[in-house]
Amino acid sequence: MSLWIGEVVANFLVAPDIYRMRLRVDIEEPGPGQFVHLRCGLRYDPLLRRPLSIHDFDMDKGEIELLYRVVGKGTAWLAARVPGDKVSGLGPLGRGFILPSGKTLALVAGGIGFAPLFFLARKALALGNRVIFYLGVRSREHLLRQKDLAEFGVQLEIATEDGSAGFPGLVTDLLAAHLRNLRFDGIFACGPKNMLAAVAGLAATYSIPAQVSLEEHMACGLGACRGCAVPVYREDGNVTYENVCSEGPVFPAHRVVWKPSWR
């Protein structure tokens, strides 16, 4: 982990309210599922940094790519950056996905959860895995990088909530239909918590190991403030709290307490 100042190489709109940014940075090589913590504003306004999953990394160029949705003041500031602007960041941070080699893997993304799974898909293929990528979005206008995934050799399966492309409905329903006939060695997912809970349930039903990337509000990004702690099961079955920023954001799906009774 390091503190750095990155230079914006490109920053452009790719879907409604979704931007793709390239930053030239001097950092250690990240793993898929890790994130960076960006200062999105001037003079500590907004005060807190914003955690963004690493969407891709080019070692030769020394560039990271970020995919983010504009949802507030901080990300609106980020969207206004142009080539040559400087952005302060921390990272790479967190624990990412652990990949096997020579296996058949399902990657399941919901909405902006696509961000870390693109990087993961490329790394998984480099390890000789077969990758089937399940992408769920609201409508066809939110589909991203289909051509790039096809060029990688990924089998892409699309679900849209409004039925405008691919399977009409939720991506977890599409995955459930395929699991009746396909056998996966692992499932990797990122997206809304309800989607991840459904993926975890399917993985348990079919006895498939699954890893999920959680999204939580973060303050320090280093595990000191405990602001992003979530309930998880220990090996003895009891529940403890672990930080998404330092112990995650990727967790084995069976360890996450999806419906804690005290909430």
Protein backbone atom coordinates (compact mmCIF):
# COMPACT_ATOMS: atom_id res chain seq x y z
CA MET A 1 0.00 0.00 0.00
CA SER A 2 1.25 3.50 -0.79
CA LEU A 3 0.13 7.11 -0.98
CA TRP A 4 0.46 8.51 -4.48
CA ILE A 5 -0.48 11.31 -6.85
CA GLY A 6 -1.83 10.02 -10.14
CA GLU A 7 -2.21 11.85 -13.45
CA VAL A 8 -5.46 11.55 -15.34
CA VAL A 9 -4.86 10.04 -18.78
CA ALA A 10 -8.51 9.71 -19.80
CA ASN A 11 -11.91 10.13 -18.16
CA PHE A 12 -15.06 9.60 -20.20
CA LEU A 13 -18.74 8.68 -19.97
CA VAL A 14 -19.48 5.06 -20.97
CA ALA A 15 -23.12 4.65 -19.82
CA PRO A 16 -25.70 6.83 -18.04
CA ASP A 17 -23.87 8.34 -15.01
CA ILE A 18 -20.99 5.83 -15.36
CA TYR A 19 -17.44 6.93 -16.15
CA ARG A 20 -14.23 5.12 -17.01
CA MET A 21 -10.98 6.74 -15.87
CA ARG A 22 -7.35 5.91 -16.61
CA LEU A 23 -4.71 7.12 -14.16
CA ARG A 24 -0.94 7.00 -14.59
CA VAL A 25 0.42 5.94 -11.20
CA ASP A 26 3.52 4.46 -9.65
CA ILE A 27 2.14 1.57 -7.58
CA GLU A 28 2.78 -2.10 -7.01
CA GLU A 29 0.85 -4.49 -9.22
CA PRO A 30 -2.68 -4.90 -7.84
CA GLY A 31 -4.71 -8.08 -7.76
CA PRO A 32 -8.29 -8.34 -9.05
CA GLY A 33 -10.73 -7.37 -6.32
CA GLN A 34 -8.44 -4.83 -4.66
CA PHE A 35 -9.35 -1.14 -4.60
CA VAL A 36 -7.89 2.36 -4.36
CA HIS A 37 -9.00 5.12 -2.01
CA LEU A 38 -9.21 8.44 -3.86
CA ARG A 39 -9.34 12.01 -2.61
CA CYS A 40 -12.33 13.37 -4.55
CA GLY A 41 -12.22 17.11 -3.99
CA LEU A 42 -10.02 19.96 -2.84
CA ARG A 43 -9.08 21.04 0.68
CA TYR A 44 -10.74 17.97 2.21
CA ASP A 45 -14.17 18.80 0.79
CA PRO A 46 -15.61 16.18 0.76
CA LEU A 47 -13.67 15.03 3.81
CA LEU A 48 -13.58 11.28 3.18
CA ARG A 49 -11.85 9.49 0.35
CA ARG A 50 -13.87 7.32 -2.03
CA PRO A 51 -13.10 3.60 -2.45
CA LEU A 52 -13.10 2.47 -6.09
CA SER A 53 -12.47 -1.05 -7.35
CA ILE A 54 -9.59 -1.46 -9.77
CA HIS A 55 -11.18 -2.10 -13.15
CA ASP A 56 -7.95 -2.96 -14.97
CA PHE A 57 -4.19 -2.47 -14.77
CA ASP A 58 -1.53 -2.03 -17.44
CA MET A 59 1.92 -2.73 -16.03
CA ASP A 60 3.78 -1.57 -19.16
CA LYS A 61 2.06 1.83 -19.18
CA GLY A 62 1.86 2.17 -15.40
CA GLU A 63 -1.88 2.86 -15.62
CA ILE A 64 -4.87 1.75 -13.60
CA GLU A 65 -8.43 1.94 -14.86
CA LEU A 66 -11.41 2.78 -12.67
CA LEU A 67 -15.11 2.40 -13.46
CA TYR A 68 -17.43 4.46 -11.26
CA ARG A 69 -20.95 5.79 -11.01
CA VAL A 70 -21.63 9.44 -10.20
CA VAL A 71 -23.77 9.39 -7.06
CA GLY A 72 -22.76 12.49 -5.10
CA LYS A 73 -20.43 15.42 -4.66
CA GLY A 74 -17.21 13.40 -4.57
CA THR A 75 -17.80 11.31 -7.68
CA ALA A 76 -19.18 14.39 -9.50
CA TRP A 77 -15.83 16.10 -8.82
CA LEU A 78 -14.03 13.03 -10.13
CA ALA A 79 -16.15 13.01 -13.30
CA ALA A 80 -15.05 16.59 -14.02
CA ARG A 81 -11.34 15.68 -14.13
CA VAL A 82 -9.61 16.01 -17.49
CA PRO A 83 -6.31 14.62 -18.86
CA GLY A 84 -3.39 16.17 -17.02
CA ASP A 85 -5.28 16.71 -13.76
CA LYS A 86 -3.87 15.16 -10.58
CA VAL A 87 -5.70 12.85 -8.21
CA SER A 88 -4.43 11.72 -4.81
CA GLY A 89 -4.90 8.08 -3.87
CA LEU A 90 -4.05 5.25 -1.52
CA GLY A 91 -3.60 1.70 -2.68
CA PRO A 92 -3.84 -0.92 -3.80
CA LEU A 93 -5.82 -1.86 -0.70
CA GLY A 94 -7.75 -4.85 0.60
CA ARG A 95 -7.81 -8.55 -0.11
CA GLY A 96 -8.86 -9.56 -3.60
CA PHE A 97 -10.09 -12.72 -5.30
CA ILE A 98 -8.12 -15.96 -5.12
CA LEU A 99 -8.06 -17.62 -8.53
CA PRO A 100 -7.54 -21.27 -9.42
CA SER A 101 -6.12 -22.41 -12.75
CA GLY A 102 -7.52 -24.69 -15.42
CA LYS A 103 -11.09 -24.58 -14.06
CA THR A 104 -14.54 -23.51 -15.23
CA LEU A 105 -15.61 -20.32 -13.47
CA ALA A 106 -18.79 -18.23 -13.28
CA LEU A 107 -18.35 -14.49 -12.83
CA VAL A 108 -21.56 -12.73 -11.76
CA ALA A 109 -21.81 -8.93 -11.90
CA GLY A 110 -24.71 -6.68 -11.01
CA GLY A 111 -24.57 -3.08 -12.23
CA ILE A 112 -21.37 -1.30 -11.24
CA GLY A 113 -20.23 -4.61 -9.73
CA PHE A 114 -18.89 -5.15 -13.24
CA ALA A 115 -15.89 -2.96 -12.31
CA PRO A 116 -13.61 -5.49 -10.53
CA LEU A 117 -14.86 -8.52 -12.45
CA PHE A 118 -13.53 -7.24 -15.79
CA PHE A 119 -10.00 -7.28 -14.34
CA LEU A 120 -10.74 -10.66 -12.75
CA ALA A 121 -11.90 -12.14 -16.07
CA ARG A 122 -8.67 -11.19 -17.79
CA LYS A 123 -6.55 -12.64 -14.99
CA ALA A 124 -8.66 -15.82 -14.85
CA LEU A 125 -8.20 -16.45 -18.56
CA ALA A 126 -4.46 -15.93 -18.26
CA LEU A 127 -4.43 -18.82 -15.77
CA GLY A 128 -6.08 -21.15 -18.28
CA ASN A 129 -9.60 -20.99 -16.86
CA ARG A 130 -12.81 -21.11 -18.86
CA VAL A 131 -14.88 -18.05 -17.94
CA ILE A 132 -18.63 -17.59 -18.28
CA PHE A 133 -19.50 -14.01 -17.38
CA TYR A 134 -23.04 -13.27 -16.16
CA LEU A 135 -23.78 -9.55 -16.39
CA GLY A 136 -26.98 -8.08 -14.99
CA VAL A 137 -27.98 -4.47 -15.72
CA ARG A 138 -31.15 -2.39 -15.76
CA SER A 139 -31.27 -1.97 -19.54
CA ARG A 140 -29.18 -2.44 -22.67
CA GLU A 141 -27.83 1.11 -22.46
CA HIS A 142 -25.98 0.09 -19.29
CA LEU A 143 -24.06 -2.75 -20.99
CA LEU A 144 -20.30 -2.25 -20.96
CA ARG A 145 -17.25 -3.63 -22.80
CA GLN A 146 -18.99 -6.51 -24.54
CA LYS A 147 -16.52 -6.42 -27.45
CA ASP A 148 -13.52 -6.45 -25.09
CA LEU A 149 -14.84 -9.48 -23.21
CA ALA A 150 -15.50 -11.31 -26.47
CA GLU A 151 -11.95 -10.61 -27.64
CA PHE A 152 -10.64 -12.03 -24.35
CA GLY A 153 -12.50 -15.26 -25.04
CA VAL A 154 -15.15 -14.83 -22.36
CA GLN A 155 -18.59 -16.36 -22.85
CA LEU A 156 -20.91 -13.47 -21.97
CA GLU A 157 -24.45 -14.05 -20.69
CA ILE A 158 -26.58 -10.92 -20.31
CA ALA A 159 -29.66 -10.23 -18.19
CA THR A 160 -31.59 -6.95 -18.29
CA GLU A 161 -34.31 -6.04 -15.83
CA ASP A 162 -36.40 -4.36 -18.53
CA GLY A 163 -35.89 -7.18 -21.05
CA SER A 164 -34.20 -4.93 -23.62
CA ALA A 165 -31.28 -7.35 -24.14
CA GLY A 166 -30.51 -10.95 -23.32
CA PHE A 167 -32.41 -12.73 -20.56
CA PRO A 168 -35.38 -10.70 -19.27
CA GLY A 169 -35.05 -10.50 -15.51
CA LEU A 170 -32.48 -10.78 -12.74
CA VAL A 171 -28.99 -12.10 -13.41
CA THR A 172 -29.35 -14.52 -10.49
CA ASP A 173 -32.38 -16.08 -12.18
CA LEU A 174 -30.29 -16.57 -15.32
CA LEU A 175 -27.49 -18.11 -13.27
CA ALA A 176 -29.96 -20.42 -11.49
CA ALA A 177 -31.29 -21.66 -14.84
CA HIS A 178 -27.77 -22.44 -16.09
CA LEU A 179 -26.74 -24.19 -12.87
CA ARG A 180 -29.26 -26.93 -13.61
CA ASN A 181 -27.10 -28.03 -16.54
CA LEU A 182 -23.62 -26.54 -16.06
CA ARG A 183 -21.01 -27.46 -13.49
CA PHE A 184 -18.74 -24.70 -12.20
CA ASP A 185 -15.63 -25.06 -10.08
CA GLY A 186 -16.08 -21.60 -8.59
CA ILE A 187 -18.37 -18.57 -8.55
CA PHE A 188 -17.08 -15.00 -8.20
CA ALA A 189 -19.54 -12.15 -7.69
CA CYS A 190 -19.81 -8.41 -7.11
CA GLY A 191 -22.94 -6.29 -6.99
CA PRO A 192 -25.83 -5.27 -4.73
CA LYS A 193 -26.09 -7.13 -1.42
CA ASN A 194 -29.40 -8.79 -2.31
CA MET A 195 -27.82 -10.16 -5.47
CA LEU A 196 -24.80 -11.44 -3.56
CA ALA A 197 -27.03 -13.14 -1.01
CA ALA A 198 -28.86 -14.91 -3.84
CA VAL A 199 -25.55 -15.99 -5.39
CA ALA A 200 -24.40 -17.33 -2.02
CA GLY A 201 -27.62 -19.33 -1.72
CA LEU A 202 -27.19 -20.84 -5.18
CA ALA A 203 -23.56 -21.68 -4.47
CA ALA A 204 -24.56 -23.47 -1.27
CA THR A 205 -27.35 -25.37 -3.03
CA TYR A 206 -25.00 -26.69 -5.70
CA SER A 207 -21.97 -27.06 -3.38
CA ILE A 208 -19.82 -24.64 -5.40
CA PRO A 209 -17.19 -22.53 -3.63
CA ALA A 210 -18.00 -18.84 -4.05
CA GLN A 211 -16.22 -15.57 -3.37
CA VAL A 212 -18.08 -12.25 -3.12
CA SER A 213 -16.86 -8.66 -3.15
CA LEU A 214 -18.77 -6.54 -0.63
CA GLU A 215 -19.50 -2.84 -0.94
CA GLU A 216 -19.62 -0.74 2.24
CA HIS A 217 -19.10 2.92 3.14
CA MET A 218 -15.47 3.41 4.19
CA ALA A 219 -13.72 6.17 6.09
CA CYS A 220 -10.04 5.33 6.60
CA GLY A 221 -9.76 2.39 4.18
CA LEU A 222 -7.05 0.87 6.38
CA GLY A 223 -9.00 -1.02 9.04
CA ALA A 224 -8.46 1.51 11.84
CA CYS A 225 -11.86 3.19 12.18
CA ARG A 226 -14.07 0.06 12.01
CA GLY A 227 -16.64 2.01 10.01
CA CYS A 228 -17.05 -0.73 7.39
CA ALA A 229 -17.21 -3.76 9.72
CA VAL A 230 -19.67 -6.49 8.72
CA PRO A 231 -20.81 -9.66 10.53
CA VAL A 232 -19.15 -12.88 9.39
CA TYR A 233 -19.04 -16.43 10.70
CA ARG A 234 -15.92 -17.74 12.38
CA GLU A 235 -14.78 -21.32 11.93
CA ASP A 236 -16.53 -22.31 15.18
CA GLY A 237 -19.86 -20.98 13.86
CA ASN A 238 -19.98 -17.92 16.07
CA VAL A 239 -20.31 -14.45 14.60
CA THR A 240 -17.64 -11.78 14.65
CA TYR A 241 -17.11 -8.49 12.80
CA GLU A 242 -14.45 -7.94 10.15
CA ASN A 243 -13.54 -4.84 8.17
CA VAL A 244 -14.45 -4.82 4.51
CA CYS A 245 -11.50 -2.54 3.74
CA SER A 246 -8.77 -4.67 5.32
CA GLU A 247 -10.16 -8.21 5.70
CA GLY A 248 -12.06 -7.91 2.41
CA PRO A 249 -13.58 -6.59 0.26
CA VAL A 250 -13.60 -10.20 -0.99
CA PHE A 251 -14.94 -12.87 1.37
CA PRO A 252 -15.91 -16.52 0.97
CA ALA A 253 -19.67 -16.35 0.43
CA HIS A 254 -20.44 -18.90 3.15
CA ARG A 255 -18.75 -16.73 5.81
CA VAL A 256 -20.97 -13.68 5.30
CA VAL A 257 -23.99 -13.25 7.59
CA TRP A 258 -26.54 -12.24 4.97
CA LYS A 259 -29.56 -11.74 7.26
CA PRO A 260 -28.39 -10.94 10.78
CA SER A 261 -31.31 -11.23 13.20
CA TRP A 262 -30.31 -8.15 15.15
CA ARG A 263 -30.73 -5.72 12.25
